[in-house]
Amino acid sequence: MTSEAKILKEQGFKVTENKIAINFEFNGNHVVFWKKSKWFSGKSVNDGRGLKNLLKELGNKNPKAVAGYSNNPEAYNHLIGIFQKHTQLKLSEEAKSDIIENMKRRFNINLVNQ
């Protein structure tokens, strides 16, 4: 595994590598980093050259940046608590369940424990 592939893997991406390129997914789209030219391209990034520039493109949107929660009831309850505090609303248990299901379904939320 090349150093570029190791760095991308450390950033939380599932990397596949062949003789020519490093491949991974970002925001549901395929991204290619060509080893020889150091050029990268993909639907979810602006094309460019160099690993440093690729990492800038990925910014804080990579999987590790979605930090702090695990996909469990406590994480969702914490988010609901924040919502209630800012809106000054008291939600019923049924409303909380509806919000959790809507978050999972509509926004494809997959909270990850870091």
Protein backbone atom coordinates (compact mmCIF):
# COMPACT_ATOMS: atom_id res chain seq x y z
CA MET A 1 0.00 0.00 0.00
CA THR A 2 1.37 3.41 -0.97
CA SER A 3 1.72 6.26 1.50
CA GLU A 4 -1.14 8.15 -0.20
CA ALA A 5 -3.45 5.16 0.20
CA LYS A 6 -2.45 4.80 3.85
CA ILE A 7 -3.22 8.47 4.51
CA LEU A 8 -6.65 8.21 2.86
CA LYS A 9 -7.35 5.04 4.84
CA GLU A 10 -6.36 6.82 8.06
CA GLN A 11 -8.87 9.54 7.12
CA GLY A 12 -11.60 6.88 7.25
CA PHE A 13 -12.05 6.05 3.56
CA LYS A 14 -12.35 2.51 2.23
CA VAL A 15 -9.47 2.49 -0.24
CA THR A 16 -8.80 0.08 -3.09
CA GLU A 17 -5.52 0.30 -4.93
CA ASN A 18 -4.08 -1.10 -8.14
CA LYS A 19 -0.86 -0.41 -10.09
CA ILE A 20 -2.25 2.76 -11.64
CA ALA A 21 -4.67 4.39 -9.19
CA ILE A 22 -6.16 4.64 -5.73
CA ASN A 23 -9.96 4.47 -5.63
CA PHE A 24 -12.40 5.39 -2.88
CA GLU A 25 -15.89 6.80 -2.38
CA PHE A 26 -16.68 10.29 -1.15
CA ASN A 27 -20.25 11.52 -0.65
CA GLY A 28 -21.52 8.44 -2.47
CA ASN A 29 -19.39 9.07 -5.57
CA HIS A 30 -16.30 7.37 -6.93
CA VAL A 31 -13.01 9.30 -6.66
CA VAL A 32 -9.75 8.32 -8.40
CA PHE A 33 -6.24 9.42 -7.44
CA TRP A 34 -3.74 8.48 -10.16
CA LYS A 35 -0.40 7.54 -8.62
CA LYS A 36 2.00 8.64 -11.35
CA SER A 37 0.55 12.07 -12.14
CA LYS A 38 -0.86 12.67 -8.61
CA TRP A 39 -4.05 13.83 -10.37
CA PHE A 40 -7.44 13.26 -8.74
CA SER A 41 -10.91 13.38 -10.17
CA GLY A 42 -14.45 12.50 -9.23
CA LYS A 43 -18.01 13.79 -9.22
CA SER A 44 -17.88 14.85 -5.56
CA VAL A 45 -14.54 16.72 -5.78
CA ASN A 46 -13.06 19.40 -8.02
CA ASP A 47 -10.30 17.91 -10.16
CA GLY A 48 -6.78 18.73 -9.06
CA ARG A 49 -3.24 17.54 -8.49
CA GLY A 50 -1.50 16.38 -5.33
CA LEU A 51 -2.55 14.60 -2.18
CA LYS A 52 -2.42 17.81 -0.16
CA ASN A 53 -4.96 19.43 -2.51
CA LEU A 54 -7.14 16.30 -2.47
CA LEU A 55 -7.24 16.37 1.33
CA LYS A 56 -8.24 20.05 1.16
CA GLU A 57 -11.05 19.14 -1.25
CA LEU A 58 -12.28 16.46 1.13
CA GLY A 59 -12.06 18.99 3.97
CA ASN A 60 -14.13 18.29 7.03
CA LYS A 61 -16.66 16.32 5.02
CA ASN A 62 -14.86 13.01 5.34
CA PRO A 63 -16.34 10.19 7.45
CA LYS A 64 -14.11 10.88 10.45
CA ALA A 65 -15.33 14.46 10.60
CA VAL A 66 -18.86 13.30 11.47
CA ALA A 67 -17.47 12.72 14.94
CA GLY A 68 -18.75 12.18 18.35
CA TYR A 69 -21.77 9.91 18.28
CA SER A 70 -22.52 6.27 17.79
CA ASN A 71 -25.60 5.06 15.97
CA ASN A 72 -27.52 4.40 19.19
CA PRO A 73 -30.50 5.81 21.09
CA GLU A 74 -28.34 7.95 23.38
CA ALA A 75 -26.88 9.82 20.41
CA TYR A 76 -30.28 10.55 18.93
CA ASN A 77 -31.67 11.54 22.34
CA HIS A 78 -28.78 13.97 22.71
CA LEU A 79 -29.62 15.57 19.35
CA ILE A 80 -33.30 15.75 20.30
CA GLY A 81 -32.30 17.39 23.59
CA ILE A 82 -30.36 20.04 21.69
CA PHE A 83 -33.38 20.60 19.44
CA GLN A 84 -35.73 20.96 22.42
CA LYS A 85 -33.39 23.40 24.15
CA HIS A 86 -33.10 25.67 21.12
CA THR A 87 -36.77 25.56 20.16
CA GLN A 88 -38.00 25.60 23.78
CA LEU A 89 -40.43 22.78 22.93
CA LYS A 90 -41.20 19.69 25.01
CA LEU A 91 -41.65 16.69 22.73
CA SER A 92 -43.64 13.55 23.49
CA GLU A 93 -41.97 10.14 23.24
CA GLU A 94 -43.93 9.47 20.04
CA ALA A 95 -42.68 12.74 18.50
CA LYS A 96 -39.10 11.86 19.48
CA SER A 97 -39.44 8.44 17.80
CA ASP A 98 -40.81 10.09 14.67
CA ILE A 99 -37.88 12.52 14.57
CA ILE A 100 -35.36 9.69 14.93
CA GLU A 101 -36.96 7.68 12.13
CA ASN A 102 -37.13 10.76 9.89
CA MET A 103 -33.46 11.57 10.52
CA LYS A 104 -32.47 8.03 9.57
CA ARG A 105 -34.70 7.88 6.50
CA ARG A 106 -34.68 11.37 5.01
CA PHE A 107 -31.12 12.42 5.67
CA ASN A 108 -29.45 9.01 5.60
CA ILE A 109 -27.85 9.81 8.96
CA ASN A 110 -25.35 7.24 10.10
CA LEU A 111 -23.72 8.56 13.24
CA VAL A 112 -20.30 7.05 13.85
CA ASN A 113 -18.55 6.52 17.16
CA GLN A 114 -14.98 7.89 17.07
